[in-house]
Amino acid sequence: MMEQNLVYIPVAEIHPHPDNPRKDVGDVSELAASIAANGILQNLTVVKGHAMTKAEREELAHLIDNEENPTLREIAERTIDSGWSADEYTVIIGHRRLAAAKLAGLDTVPCTVAEMSHKEQVSTMLTENMLRADLTIYEQAQGFQMMMNLGSSVEEIAKEAGFSPATVRRRVKLLELDQEKFKAAEARGATLADYIALDKITDPKRKNKVLETAGTANFNLELKKALEEEELAARLELWEAEISKWATKIEAQNRVGDENIPMAFVSVWSKWTDKSKTPARPADTGAYYYIRDSGGITVYRQKAAKTVEDYDKDAEERQRRNKAAEEKKAELEAITERHYRLRREFIENFGAVKSRAADIMLFAINAMMSEDANEPDFNTVIPLLGTDDPAEMSRRPEYALLVTAWACLDHGCCYWDWDWITQGKYCVRTYQHIANDTLDYIYQVLESLGYQMSDEELAMQDGSHEVFKGAAQCGKSQ
């Protein structure tokens, strides 16, 4: 890169760079006031020429149509093709100063005119903005990708930008996300940790769906749900591979192509199934079929002809109710476990123990006096404290007190219970919402320490969650 001496250039002849990684220069009113009072104290760096505007291209195209000299026409056509005019200037360093100078009404600004390749221009702007911490995460990603498109290696970009190669790769990978959703997440205050956590999700659609909650209280919960969905999808693939060895895939029960074949339910493989189980062909002979849908895999057995008329409808209904109740219970348990993990992670990562010592002390006193308090589970406490040595624990007394008090109260807390009711000839098991003062208090304390309840947690707390609508029933004949 070769630089010339300092020159004063009319503001009207200097253009912003179209490939500047920083797309928004922000509020320059204070800088404009300072420039109006004191002038520009640091010169701009510019290059000769500028990216042509649409109006300039149209004007040049009109001149080409009316130009008789073939040499001039060829030069003009090359200029339009390149999109770059040799006239005027483009700023490389000093976009905010240029915007502020225009706002302050300056006619000229001090500039150093440099000779740079396009690659050097982008690299210089990227590095300058990095040093000033002016770029958003998405702008960093775009800048890195632009440098890679211009031939720079990840290692070269990392060295120039002051990041590790792994960080550069992670930033570029963010460009796979929906741009508008990404920008909206940044506006909500999504953190780099949020984007790193998103990378745990492999499916782009799921990743963009969770991105919609980045920067909100629902993010961690939706992230966990997405990871559970991916884990389930992987298990379903393995289960289907085994089931397909001895069962035929069908679209609907009792239908094989155009033929009606009576079938009996055998088993279901879904998110509620024990992860350690492997589907094996039942011992009895006969034809087996399965249906795969978004919820899981349901296996059926072809009924023997002699049992079709004698099939026990009550047994089928009991089986249906049992299956529905088991799934409802498993769903409630999964929700409860998810919310418990969110609370535990908050406790695990809580760092402001010194400044909240009085609140923690009050929490510990209330926990010890509560009728619902249990002895703390040391399998919970010790991993959070990172030690089982009392002397080590005493070095962080406030945190040890917080963890112990929380572990005394937060043990299997939930907002649901079940009961039997009578419906006709069936004794029916139903699940319903219940109030839980202890869990309410735990949330109250955690929120005072900075915890944010997700929408799903709030819905479980007030009973408005979908899981409580149309209570699943499990029945047996009286």
Foldseek 3Di string as FASTA:
>chain_A
DDWDDKDKDFLVLEAEAPLQLAPDLPDLQVVLVVCLVPNDPDAFEKEFKGQDDPVRLVVLVVVLVVDPDPVVNVVSVVCSVVRIDRHGIYTQPQPSVSVSCVVNPHGITMYMYDDDDPLVSLLSSLQVCLVVVNHDLLSNLSSLVVNVVVPDDLCRSCVSNVHDSVSNVLSVVCVLEDVVLQVVLVVLPFDPVLSVLLVVQDDRVLSNVLSNCGSHLCNLVSSVVRVLLVVFVVLQVQQCVQVVVQAAEDADAQDDPPHGFHKDWDDWDFSLDDSVDHDDDDPDDAYKYWYQDSGGITIIGGDDPVCPVVDDPQVRVLVVLVVQQSVLVSVQVVLLVSVLVLLLVCLLPQDPQVVCLVLLVVLLVCLVPDPQFDQADCVSLCVSLVHPDVVSCVVVVSSSSNSRSCRRQPDSDFFKDWDWDDDVQKTKIWMFGHADVSVVVSVVSSVVSPRDDDPQNVCRNVRNDPSHPPTRIRIDGD
